[in-house]
């Protein structure tokens, strides 16, 4: 089953930029790189940063009238998950920097030499010179952009060390998890944790997007893709601990950045699953900040709105 053409990241090869669609990051499928071996088996953090969840049965998926059946969001089905642990936060720039310092690891964006950046964040000359997918011209393939330089050469992480690391591929995330003694969550684990104990709620906190007028997540407000009102307090990424956590203590499982999961998206085994939506999602075209929403991307793809959090067996 293919993801919705409205939000599915499509493929591309090197600098040929094919048809793409959505706020979701475009893909770089067709390109292949050999992952570099890790220089160290050092472990980043202890288990004290993990939230231990008891597991059990829950109703996964949705038949929400505003959902995307073609993405495989439904049907609603009862599934059982074993006890596991998961990070309260996405991996931050500071934490990823520890990994890179310990291992010398280079991300796929660094080795390919470019990654996708949202056009609104770029200086005019870079916007004009960067190739763009035809169907989603708000994405630019920017040479020299990577996790350290989120908007390309000249940009840095000043003031963003506590923001989620971005421009990391599924392969990069798996390498980090291996170093940290962890793993990516399965899609079932991710949804169980993101629901925070609520039964079939639309969002991690309930069914209203802004209960009492309060913003609970970092998504797009305004007219996409030209004007983000940033009524939720942020334009671009927010700190990993922004907003109140859900009932299980997880922060930002709606909006902010898409999160890689361990699973293939479908039987075709082309893309890996991504959950949670991002700061570019908007109700007018991509309301995938709903807890049951899902999409995918090729394992070597990266962009400025795609990160991850870790899980672990217990």
C-alpha atoms as a PDB file:
ATOM      1  CA  UNK A   1       0.000   0.000   0.000  1.00  0.00           C
ATOM      2  CA  UNK A   2       1.508   3.330  -1.018  1.00  0.00           C
ATOM      3  CA  UNK A   3       1.386   6.417   1.142  1.00  0.00           C
ATOM      4  CA  UNK A   4      -0.876   9.286   0.216  1.00  0.00           C
ATOM      5  CA  UNK A   5       0.393  11.300  -2.756  1.00  0.00           C
ATOM      6  CA  UNK A   6      -0.485  14.393  -0.754  1.00  0.00           C
ATOM      7  CA  UNK A   7       2.114  13.673   1.879  1.00  0.00           C
ATOM      8  CA  UNK A   8       4.273  10.783   0.753  1.00  0.00           C
ATOM      9  CA  UNK A   9       7.952  11.596   0.296  1.00  0.00           C
ATOM     10  CA  UNK A  10       8.756  10.512  -3.248  1.00  0.00           C
ATOM     11  CA  UNK A  11      12.084   9.411  -4.617  1.00  0.00           C
ATOM     12  CA  UNK A  12      15.021  11.109  -6.247  1.00  0.00           C
ATOM     13  CA  UNK A  13      18.499  10.251  -7.518  1.00  0.00           C
ATOM     14  CA  UNK A  14      21.553  12.421  -6.993  1.00  0.00           C
ATOM     15  CA  UNK A  15      20.721  15.859  -8.417  1.00  0.00           C
ATOM     16  CA  UNK A  16      17.825  14.722 -10.605  1.00  0.00           C
ATOM     17  CA  UNK A  17      14.844  16.038  -8.664  1.00  0.00           C
ATOM     18  CA  UNK A  18      11.740  14.083  -9.644  1.00  0.00           C
ATOM     19  CA  UNK A  19       8.127  14.472  -8.671  1.00  0.00           C
ATOM     20  CA  UNK A  20       7.645  14.786  -4.950  1.00  0.00           C
ATOM     21  CA  UNK A  21       4.691  15.689  -2.864  1.00  0.00           C
ATOM     22  CA  UNK A  22       4.109  17.201   0.502  1.00  0.00           C
ATOM     23  CA  UNK A  23       5.389  18.713   3.706  1.00  0.00           C
ATOM     24  CA  UNK A  24       6.978  15.344   4.269  1.00  0.00           C
ATOM     25  CA  UNK A  25      10.637  15.210   3.305  1.00  0.00           C
ATOM     26  CA  UNK A  26      11.450  14.070  -0.231  1.00  0.00           C
ATOM     27  CA  UNK A  27      13.476  10.889  -0.625  1.00  0.00           C
ATOM     28  CA  UNK A  28      16.846  10.103  -2.124  1.00  0.00           C
ATOM     29  CA  UNK A  29      16.074   6.498  -3.112  1.00  0.00           C
ATOM     30  CA  UNK A  30      18.257   5.146  -5.854  1.00  0.00           C
ATOM     31  CA  UNK A  31      21.368   6.497  -4.172  1.00  0.00           C
ATOM     32  CA  UNK A  32      23.446   4.113  -2.128  1.00  0.00           C
ATOM     33  CA  UNK A  33      26.222   4.714   0.341  1.00  0.00           C
ATOM     34  CA  UNK A  34      28.171   2.348   2.545  1.00  0.00           C
ATOM     35  CA  UNK A  35      27.721   3.072   6.217  1.00  0.00           C
ATOM     36  CA  UNK A  36      31.036   3.782   7.879  1.00  0.00           C
ATOM     37  CA  UNK A  37      31.960   1.533  10.814  1.00  0.00           C
ATOM     38  CA  UNK A  38      31.631   3.089  14.246  1.00  0.00           C
ATOM     39  CA  UNK A  39      34.903   3.973  15.892  1.00  0.00           C
ATOM     40  CA  UNK A  40      33.675   3.254  19.402  1.00  0.00           C
ATOM     41  CA  UNK A  41      31.182   1.113  21.239  1.00  0.00           C
ATOM     42  CA  UNK A  42      30.768   3.768  23.931  1.00  0.00           C
ATOM     43  CA  UNK A  43      27.274   4.151  25.309  1.00  0.00           C
ATOM     44  CA  UNK A  44      25.691   7.580  25.476  1.00  0.00           C
ATOM     45  CA  UNK A  45      23.301   7.456  28.421  1.00  0.00           C
ATOM     46  CA  UNK A  46      22.013   5.194  31.161  1.00  0.00           C
ATOM     47  CA  UNK A  47      18.532   3.758  31.449  1.00  0.00           C
ATOM     48  CA  UNK A  48      17.453   6.587  33.731  1.00  0.00           C
ATOM     49  CA  UNK A  49      16.384   8.631  30.689  1.00  0.00           C
ATOM     50  CA  UNK A  50      13.949   5.970  29.500  1.00  0.00           C
ATOM     51  CA  UNK A  51      10.276   5.677  30.339  1.00  0.00           C
ATOM     52  CA  UNK A  52       9.390   2.071  31.095  1.00  0.00           C
ATOM     53  CA  UNK A  53       5.946   1.105  29.791  1.00  0.00           C
ATOM     54  CA  UNK A  54       4.050  -2.031  30.842  1.00  0.00           C
ATOM     55  CA  UNK A  55       2.725  -2.923  27.414  1.00  0.00           C
ATOM     56  CA  UNK A  56      -0.564  -4.744  26.936  1.00  0.00           C
ATOM     57  CA  UNK A  57      -3.411  -4.555  24.450  1.00  0.00           C
ATOM     58  CA  UNK A  58      -4.690  -1.357  22.856  1.00  0.00           C
ATOM     59  CA  UNK A  59      -6.739  -0.298  19.853  1.00  0.00           C
ATOM     60  CA  UNK A  60      -4.304   0.800  17.157  1.00  0.00           C
ATOM     61  CA  UNK A  61      -5.121   2.792  14.026  1.00  0.00           C
ATOM     62  CA  UNK A  62      -8.076   4.945  13.118  1.00  0.00           C
ATOM     63  CA  UNK A  63     -11.059   5.280  10.856  1.00  0.00           C
ATOM     64  CA  UNK A  64     -11.104   9.038  11.363  1.00  0.00           C
ATOM     65  CA  UNK A  65     -13.049  10.820   8.616  1.00  0.00           C
ATOM     66  CA  UNK A  66     -10.117  13.232   8.300  1.00  0.00           C
ATOM     67  CA  UNK A  67      -7.557  10.450   8.036  1.00  0.00           C
ATOM     68  CA  UNK A  68      -5.852   8.824   5.054  1.00  0.00           C
ATOM     69  CA  UNK A  69      -7.004   5.222   4.552  1.00  0.00           C
ATOM     70  CA  UNK A  70      -4.563   4.886   1.653  1.00  0.00           C
ATOM     71  CA  UNK A  71      -1.733   5.309   4.177  1.00  0.00           C
ATOM     72  CA  UNK A  72      -2.841   2.225   6.069  1.00  0.00           C
ATOM     73  CA  UNK A  73      -4.067   4.142   9.101  1.00  0.00           C
ATOM     74  CA  UNK A  74      -6.927   1.688   9.511  1.00  0.00           C
ATOM     75  CA  UNK A  75      -8.751  -0.412  10.216  1.00  0.00           C
ATOM     76  CA  UNK A  76      -8.858  -0.002  13.970  1.00  0.00           C
ATOM     77  CA  UNK A  77      -7.546  -3.258  15.386  1.00  0.00           C
ATOM     78  CA  UNK A  78      -6.577  -4.554  18.800  1.00  0.00           C
ATOM     79  CA  UNK A  79      -2.886  -5.275  19.116  1.00  0.00           C
ATOM     80  CA  UNK A  80      -0.696  -6.389  21.986  1.00  0.00           C
ATOM     81  CA  UNK A  81       2.708  -4.963  22.771  1.00  0.00           C
ATOM     82  CA  UNK A  82       5.260  -6.405  25.184  1.00  0.00           C
ATOM     83  CA  UNK A  83       6.757  -4.233  27.943  1.00  0.00           C
ATOM     84  CA  UNK A  84       9.444  -1.885  26.632  1.00  0.00           C
ATOM     85  CA  UNK A  85      11.133   1.433  27.336  1.00  0.00           C
ATOM     86  CA  UNK A  86      11.190   4.599  25.242  1.00  0.00           C
ATOM     87  CA  UNK A  87      12.793   8.018  25.474  1.00  0.00           C
ATOM     88  CA  UNK A  88      10.685  10.891  26.706  1.00  0.00           C
ATOM     89  CA  UNK A  89      12.338  13.102  24.087  1.00  0.00           C
ATOM     90  CA  UNK A  90      13.601  12.955  20.544  1.00  0.00           C
ATOM     91  CA  UNK A  91      17.375  12.789  20.276  1.00  0.00           C
ATOM     92  CA  UNK A  92      18.668  16.346  20.536  1.00  0.00           C
ATOM     93  CA  UNK A  93      21.508  18.047  18.708  1.00  0.00           C
ATOM     94  CA  UNK A  94      23.578  17.936  21.908  1.00  0.00           C
ATOM     95  CA  UNK A  95      23.086  14.187  22.316  1.00  0.00           C
ATOM     96  CA  UNK A  96      23.847  13.498  18.666  1.00  0.00           C
ATOM     97  CA  UNK A  97      26.997  15.604  18.967  1.00  0.00           C
ATOM     98  CA  UNK A  98      28.202  13.311  21.778  1.00  0.00           C
ATOM     99  CA  UNK A  99      27.755  10.342  19.456  1.00  0.00           C
ATOM    100  CA  UNK A 100      29.661  12.005  16.627  1.00  0.00           C
ATOM    101  CA  UNK A 101      32.469  13.113  18.941  1.00  0.00           C
ATOM    102  CA  UNK A 102      32.814   9.585  20.349  1.00  0.00           C
ATOM    103  CA  UNK A 103      32.704   7.747  17.033  1.00  0.00           C
ATOM    104  CA  UNK A 104      33.661  10.116  14.220  1.00  0.00           C
ATOM    105  CA  UNK A 105      30.432   9.125  12.490  1.00  0.00           C
ATOM    106  CA  UNK A 106      29.431  10.994   9.339  1.00  0.00           C
ATOM    107  CA  UNK A 107      25.768  11.135   8.415  1.00  0.00           C
ATOM    108  CA  UNK A 108      24.493  10.204   4.984  1.00  0.00           C
ATOM    109  CA  UNK A 109      23.676  13.860   4.291  1.00  0.00           C
ATOM    110  CA  UNK A 110      27.342  14.671   4.924  1.00  0.00           C
ATOM    111  CA  UNK A 111      28.521  11.862   2.661  1.00  0.00           C
ATOM    112  CA  UNK A 112      26.044  12.630  -0.116  1.00  0.00           C
ATOM    113  CA  UNK A 113      26.976  16.295   0.241  1.00  0.00           C
ATOM    114  CA  UNK A 114      23.443  17.706   0.436  1.00  0.00           C
ATOM    115  CA  UNK A 115      20.005  17.313   1.978  1.00  0.00           C
ATOM    116  CA  UNK A 116      16.556  18.912   1.796  1.00  0.00           C
ATOM    117  CA  UNK A 117      15.839  22.233   3.518  1.00  0.00           C
ATOM    118  CA  UNK A 118      12.538  24.122   3.666  1.00  0.00           C
ATOM    119  CA  UNK A 119      12.884  27.051   1.257  1.00  0.00           C
ATOM    120  CA  UNK A 120      11.492  29.649   3.664  1.00  0.00           C
ATOM    121  CA  UNK A 121      14.508  29.195   5.942  1.00  0.00           C
ATOM    122  CA  UNK A 122      17.092  29.887   3.246  1.00  0.00           C
ATOM    123  CA  UNK A 123      18.752  33.135   2.138  1.00  0.00           C
ATOM    124  CA  UNK A 124      17.531  34.370  -1.229  1.00  0.00           C
ATOM    125  CA  UNK A 125      20.615  33.397  -3.270  1.00  0.00           C
ATOM    126  CA  UNK A 126      20.567  29.825  -1.882  1.00  0.00           C
ATOM    127  CA  UNK A 127      16.826  29.517  -2.557  1.00  0.00           C
ATOM    128  CA  UNK A 128      17.325  30.599  -6.154  1.00  0.00           C
ATOM    129  CA  UNK A 129      20.285  28.337  -6.867  1.00  0.00           C
ATOM    130  CA  UNK A 130      19.069  25.146  -5.164  1.00  0.00           C
ATOM    131  CA  UNK A 131      17.211  22.459  -7.159  1.00  0.00           C
ATOM    132  CA  UNK A 132      13.606  21.817  -6.119  1.00  0.00           C
ATOM    133  CA  UNK A 133      11.138  18.971  -6.649  1.00  0.00           C
ATOM    134  CA  UNK A 134       8.476  20.030  -9.162  1.00  0.00           C
ATOM    135  CA  UNK A 135       5.470  19.102  -7.056  1.00  0.00           C
ATOM    136  CA  UNK A 136       6.840  20.509  -3.785  1.00  0.00           C
ATOM    137  CA  UNK A 137       8.929  23.559  -4.629  1.00  0.00           C
ATOM    138  CA  UNK A 138       9.080  24.546  -0.954  1.00  0.00           C
ATOM    139  CA  UNK A 139      11.851  21.936  -0.570  1.00  0.00           C
ATOM    140  CA  UNK A 140      15.377  22.780  -1.752  1.00  0.00           C
ATOM    141  CA  UNK A 141      18.284  20.365  -2.173  1.00  0.00           C
ATOM    142  CA  UNK A 142      21.009  22.354  -0.445  1.00  0.00           C
ATOM    143  CA  UNK A 143      24.726  21.501  -0.852  1.00  0.00           C
ATOM    144  CA  UNK A 144      26.520  21.537   2.491  1.00  0.00           C
ATOM    145  CA  UNK A 145      23.377  21.263   4.603  1.00  0.00           C
ATOM    146  CA  UNK A 146      23.608  18.630   7.344  1.00  0.00           C
ATOM    147  CA  UNK A 147      22.803  18.122  11.015  1.00  0.00           C
ATOM    148  CA  UNK A 148      25.438  20.679  12.089  1.00  0.00           C
ATOM    149  CA  UNK A 149      24.366  23.182   9.420  1.00  0.00           C
ATOM    150  CA  UNK A 150      20.566  22.804   9.227  1.00  0.00           C
ATOM    151  CA  UNK A 151      20.123  25.568   6.654  1.00  0.00           C
ATOM    152  CA  UNK A 152      23.380  24.942   4.820  1.00  0.00           C
ATOM    153  CA  UNK A 153      26.811  26.628   4.981  1.00  0.00           C
ATOM    154  CA  UNK A 154      26.819  29.588   7.330  1.00  0.00           C
ATOM    155  CA  UNK A 155      24.118  28.168   9.596  1.00  0.00           C
ATOM    156  CA  UNK A 156      24.851  26.477  12.908  1.00  0.00           C
ATOM    157  CA  UNK A 157      23.255  25.082  16.060  1.00  0.00           C
ATOM    158  CA  UNK A 158      23.617  28.173  18.231  1.00  0.00           C
ATOM    159  CA  UNK A 159      20.520  28.308  20.429  1.00  0.00           C
ATOM    160  CA  UNK A 160      19.349  24.915  19.129  1.00  0.00           C
ATOM    161  CA  UNK A 161      21.388  22.360  21.048  1.00  0.00           C
ATOM    162  CA  UNK A 162      18.207  21.284  22.847  1.00  0.00           C
ATOM    163  CA  UNK A 163      16.245  20.983  19.585  1.00  0.00           C
ATOM    164  CA  UNK A 164      15.846  17.614  17.860  1.00  0.00           C
ATOM    165  CA  UNK A 165      18.650  16.615  15.539  1.00  0.00           C
ATOM    166  CA  UNK A 166      17.488  16.730  11.914  1.00  0.00           C
ATOM    167  CA  UNK A 167      18.949  15.800   8.530  1.00  0.00           C
ATOM    168  CA  UNK A 168      19.442  12.250   9.841  1.00  0.00           C
ATOM    169  CA  UNK A 169      18.473   9.213   7.776  1.00  0.00           C
ATOM    170  CA  UNK A 170      17.000   5.967   9.078  1.00  0.00           C
ATOM    171  CA  UNK A 171      20.458   4.447   8.673  1.00  0.00           C
ATOM    172  CA  UNK A 172      21.987   7.265  10.738  1.00  0.00           C
ATOM    173  CA  UNK A 173      19.369   6.768  13.452  1.00  0.00           C
ATOM    174  CA  UNK A 174      20.076   3.024  13.608  1.00  0.00           C
ATOM    175  CA  UNK A 175      23.809   3.719  13.956  1.00  0.00           C
ATOM    176  CA  UNK A 176      23.174   6.118  16.831  1.00  0.00           C
ATOM    177  CA  UNK A 177      20.899   3.624  18.573  1.00  0.00           C
ATOM    178  CA  UNK A 178      23.531   0.885  18.274  1.00  0.00           C
ATOM    179  CA  UNK A 179      26.119   3.150  19.902  1.00  0.00           C
ATOM    180  CA  UNK A 180      23.693   4.116  22.664  1.00  0.00           C
ATOM    181  CA  UNK A 181      22.719   0.511  23.406  1.00  0.00           C
ATOM    182  CA  UNK A 182      19.187   1.140  22.189  1.00  0.00           C
ATOM    183  CA  UNK A 183      17.057   0.723  19.085  1.00  0.00           C
ATOM    184  CA  UNK A 184      14.321   2.469  17.147  1.00  0.00           C
ATOM    185  CA  UNK A 185      10.790   1.807  18.402  1.00  0.00           C
ATOM    186  CA  UNK A 186       8.533  -0.428  16.367  1.00  0.00           C
ATOM    187  CA  UNK A 187       5.506   1.304  14.894  1.00  0.00           C
ATOM    188  CA  UNK A 188       3.230  -0.490  17.353  1.00  0.00           C
ATOM    189  CA  UNK A 189       5.394   0.613  20.283  1.00  0.00           C
ATOM    190  CA  UNK A 190       5.491   4.173  18.981  1.00  0.00           C
ATOM    191  CA  UNK A 191       1.720   4.469  18.715  1.00  0.00           C
ATOM    192  CA  UNK A 192       1.123   2.776  22.064  1.00  0.00           C
ATOM    193  CA  UNK A 193       3.511   5.242  23.729  1.00  0.00           C
ATOM    194  CA  UNK A 194       2.241   8.265  21.794  1.00  0.00           C
ATOM    195  CA  UNK A 195      -1.355   7.609  22.820  1.00  0.00           C
ATOM    196  CA  UNK A 196      -0.324   8.003  26.448  1.00  0.00           C
ATOM    197  CA  UNK A 197      -3.026   5.676  27.699  1.00  0.00           C
ATOM    198  CA  UNK A 198      -5.927   7.396  25.913  1.00  0.00           C
ATOM    199  CA  UNK A 199      -8.329   5.152  24.005  1.00  0.00           C
ATOM    200  CA  UNK A 200      -8.657   6.127  20.346  1.00  0.00           C
ATOM    201  CA  UNK A 201      -8.086   9.849  20.946  1.00  0.00           C
ATOM    202  CA  UNK A 202      -7.124  11.874  17.877  1.00  0.00           C
ATOM    203  CA  UNK A 203      -4.147  13.550  19.553  1.00  0.00           C
ATOM    204  CA  UNK A 204      -1.841  12.531  22.414  1.00  0.00           C
ATOM    205  CA  UNK A 205      -3.828  14.794  24.766  1.00  0.00           C
ATOM    206  CA  UNK A 206      -7.400  14.238  23.522  1.00  0.00           C
ATOM    207  CA  UNK A 207      -9.633  15.070  20.576  1.00  0.00           C
ATOM    208  CA  UNK A 208      -9.310  18.869  20.412  1.00  0.00           C
ATOM    209  CA  UNK A 209      -6.282  20.332  18.656  1.00  0.00           C
ATOM    210  CA  UNK A 210      -6.114  23.435  20.864  1.00  0.00           C
ATOM    211  CA  UNK A 211      -8.151  22.744  24.009  1.00  0.00           C
ATOM    212  CA  UNK A 212      -9.165  26.022  25.616  1.00  0.00           C
ATOM    213  CA  UNK A 213      -7.142  27.831  22.947  1.00  0.00           C
ATOM    214  CA  UNK A 214      -3.876  26.297  24.183  1.00  0.00           C
ATOM    215  CA  UNK A 215      -1.342  25.077  21.634  1.00  0.00           C
ATOM    216  CA  UNK A 216      -0.082  21.618  22.510  1.00  0.00           C
ATOM    217  CA  UNK A 217       2.251  20.968  19.588  1.00  0.00           C
ATOM    218  CA  UNK A 218       4.496  22.621  17.012  1.00  0.00           C
ATOM    219  CA  UNK A 219       2.749  22.646  13.628  1.00  0.00           C
ATOM    220  CA  UNK A 220       2.061  25.206  10.895  1.00  0.00           C
ATOM    221  CA  UNK A 221      -0.433  28.025  11.436  1.00  0.00           C
ATOM    222  CA  UNK A 222      -1.255  30.368   8.600  1.00  0.00           C
ATOM    223  CA  UNK A 223      -1.069  29.932   4.846  1.00  0.00           C
ATOM    224  CA  UNK A 224       1.259  27.153   3.760  1.00  0.00           C
ATOM    225  CA  UNK A 225       3.941  27.415   2.480  1.00  0.00           C
ATOM    226  CA  UNK A 226       4.305  31.186   2.478  1.00  0.00           C
ATOM    227  CA  UNK A 227       3.389  32.373   5.964  1.00  0.00           C
ATOM    228  CA  UNK A 228       3.678  30.619   9.302  1.00  0.00           C
ATOM    229  CA  UNK A 229       2.085  32.698  12.037  1.00  0.00           C
ATOM    230  CA  UNK A 230       4.010  30.672  14.635  1.00  0.00           C
ATOM    231  CA  UNK A 231       1.073  31.029  17.013  1.00  0.00           C
ATOM    232  CA  UNK A 232       2.344  27.938  18.837  1.00  0.00           C
ATOM    233  CA  UNK A 233       5.548  29.791  19.683  1.00  0.00           C
ATOM    234  CA  UNK A 234       7.860  28.339  17.051  1.00  0.00           C
ATOM    235  CA  UNK A 235       8.753  28.618  13.384  1.00  0.00           C
ATOM    236  CA  UNK A 236      10.892  25.617  12.587  1.00  0.00           C
ATOM    237  CA  UNK A 237      11.901  23.160  15.275  1.00  0.00           C
ATOM    238  CA  UNK A 238      11.135  23.549  18.970  1.00  0.00           C
ATOM    239  CA  UNK A 239      13.132  22.214  21.946  1.00  0.00           C
ATOM    240  CA  UNK A 240      12.688  18.510  22.576  1.00  0.00           C
ATOM    241  CA  UNK A 241      10.932  19.247  25.879  1.00  0.00           C
ATOM    242  CA  UNK A 242       8.576  21.905  24.514  1.00  0.00           C
ATOM    243  CA  UNK A 243       4.920  21.594  25.523  1.00  0.00           C
ATOM    244  CA  UNK A 244       3.417  19.362  28.164  1.00  0.00           C
ATOM    245  CA  UNK A 245       4.085  15.611  27.898  1.00  0.00           C
ATOM    246  CA  UNK A 246       1.368  13.072  27.231  1.00  0.00           C
ATOM    247  CA  UNK A 247      -0.009  10.694  29.842  1.00  0.00           C
ATOM    248  CA  UNK A 248       3.065   8.468  29.649  1.00  0.00           C
ATOM    249  CA  UNK A 249       5.538  11.353  29.857  1.00  0.00           C
ATOM    250  CA  UNK A 250       6.510  11.632  26.173  1.00  0.00           C
ATOM    251  CA  UNK A 251       7.091  15.075  24.686  1.00  0.00           C
ATOM    252  CA  UNK A 252       6.377  16.164  21.114  1.00  0.00           C
ATOM    253  CA  UNK A 253       4.877  12.996  19.680  1.00  0.00           C
ATOM    254  CA  UNK A 254       2.673  15.317  17.600  1.00  0.00           C
ATOM    255  CA  UNK A 255       4.380  17.834  15.338  1.00  0.00           C
ATOM    256  CA  UNK A 256       7.904  19.251  15.664  1.00  0.00           C
ATOM    257  CA  UNK A 257       9.742  16.552  13.653  1.00  0.00           C
ATOM    258  CA  UNK A 258       8.803  13.309  11.993  1.00  0.00           C
ATOM    259  CA  UNK A 259      10.212  10.306  13.862  1.00  0.00           C
ATOM    260  CA  UNK A 260      11.735   7.223  12.292  1.00  0.00           C
ATOM    261  CA  UNK A 261      10.369   3.833  13.362  1.00  0.00           C
ATOM    262  CA  UNK A 262      12.042   0.456  12.895  1.00  0.00           C
ATOM    263  CA  UNK A 263       9.420  -1.012  10.544  1.00  0.00           C
ATOM    264  CA  UNK A 264       9.069  -1.135   6.789  1.00  0.00           C
ATOM    265  CA  UNK A 265       6.036   0.921   5.787  1.00  0.00           C
ATOM    266  CA  UNK A 266       4.370  -1.903   3.868  1.00  0.00           C
ATOM    267  CA  UNK A 267       5.001  -5.248   2.212  1.00  0.00           C
ATOM    268  CA  UNK A 268       6.890  -3.577  -0.639  1.00  0.00           C
ATOM    269  CA  UNK A 269       9.801  -2.840   1.725  1.00  0.00           C
ATOM    270  CA  UNK A 270      10.714   0.379  -0.051  1.00  0.00           C
ATOM    271  CA  UNK A 271      10.307   2.935   2.721  1.00  0.00           C
ATOM    272  CA  UNK A 272      10.699   2.947   6.488  1.00  0.00           C
ATOM    273  CA  UNK A 273       7.828   4.201   8.601  1.00  0.00           C
ATOM    274  CA  UNK A 274       7.735   7.724   9.992  1.00  0.00           C
ATOM    275  CA  UNK A 275       5.299   8.899  12.653  1.00  0.00           C
ATOM    276  CA  UNK A 276       4.195  12.076  14.421  1.00  0.00           C
ATOM    277  CA  UNK A 277       4.124  14.787  11.760  1.00  0.00           C
ATOM    278  CA  UNK A 278       6.249  17.931  11.858  1.00  0.00           C
ATOM    279  CA  UNK A 279       6.305  21.698  12.159  1.00  0.00           C
ATOM    280  CA  UNK A 280       5.300  21.865   8.479  1.00  0.00           C
ATOM    281  CA  UNK A 281       2.028  19.947   8.872  1.00  0.00           C
ATOM    282  CA  UNK A 282      -1.186  21.929   8.399  1.00  0.00           C
ATOM    283  CA  UNK A 283      -4.838  20.907   8.431  1.00  0.00           C
ATOM    284  CA  UNK A 284      -5.310  22.205   4.887  1.00  0.00           C
ATOM    285  CA  UNK A 285      -3.223  19.467   3.282  1.00  0.00           C
ATOM    286  CA  UNK A 286      -1.357  17.251   5.766  1.00  0.00           C
ATOM    287  CA  UNK A 287      -2.950  16.732   9.166  1.00  0.00           C
ATOM    288  CA  UNK A 288      -0.548  13.928   9.990  1.00  0.00           C
ATOM    289  CA  UNK A 289       0.100  15.228  13.496  1.00  0.00           C
ATOM    290  CA  UNK A 290      -2.765  12.904  14.468  1.00  0.00           C
ATOM    291  CA  UNK A 291      -1.521  10.040  16.610  1.00  0.00           C
ATOM    292  CA  UNK A 292      -2.616   7.321  14.138  1.00  0.00           C
ATOM    293  CA  UNK A 293      -1.173   9.033  11.053  1.00  0.00           C
ATOM    294  CA  UNK A 294       1.768   7.492   9.248  1.00  0.00           C
ATOM    295  CA  UNK A 295       3.946   7.930   6.197  1.00  0.00           C
ATOM    296  CA  UNK A 296       7.322   6.695   4.952  1.00  0.00           C
ATOM    297  CA  UNK A 297      10.642   7.569   3.392  1.00  0.00           C
ATOM    298  CA  UNK A 298      13.593   5.668   1.946  1.00  0.00           C
ATOM    299  CA  UNK A 299      16.163   4.654   4.591  1.00  0.00           C
ATOM    300  CA  UNK A 300      18.854   6.956   3.184  1.00  0.00           C
ATOM    301  CA  UNK A 301      16.682  10.095   3.072  1.00  0.00           C
ATOM    302  CA  UNK A 302      17.009  13.129   5.311  1.00  0.00           C
ATOM    303  CA  UNK A 303      15.559  16.603   5.689  1.00  0.00           C
ATOM    304  CA  UNK A 304      15.136  19.511   8.061  1.00  0.00           C
ATOM    305  CA  UNK A 305      11.968  18.099   9.658  1.00  0.00           C
ATOM    306  CA  UNK A 306      12.944  14.483  10.272  1.00  0.00           C
ATOM    307  CA  UNK A 307      14.460  13.075  13.483  1.00  0.00           C
ATOM    308  CA  UNK A 308      14.025  10.119  15.854  1.00  0.00           C
ATOM    309  CA  UNK A 309      13.752   8.901  19.431  1.00  0.00           C
ATOM    310  CA  UNK A 310      15.143   5.715  20.932  1.00  0.00           C
ATOM    311  CA  UNK A 311      13.538   2.689  22.554  1.00  0.00           C
ATOM    312  CA  UNK A 312      14.932  -0.317  24.405  1.00  0.00           C
ATOM    313  CA  UNK A 313      14.016  -3.802  25.512  1.00  0.00           C
ATOM    314  CA  UNK A 314      13.486  -4.409  29.224  1.00  0.00           C
END
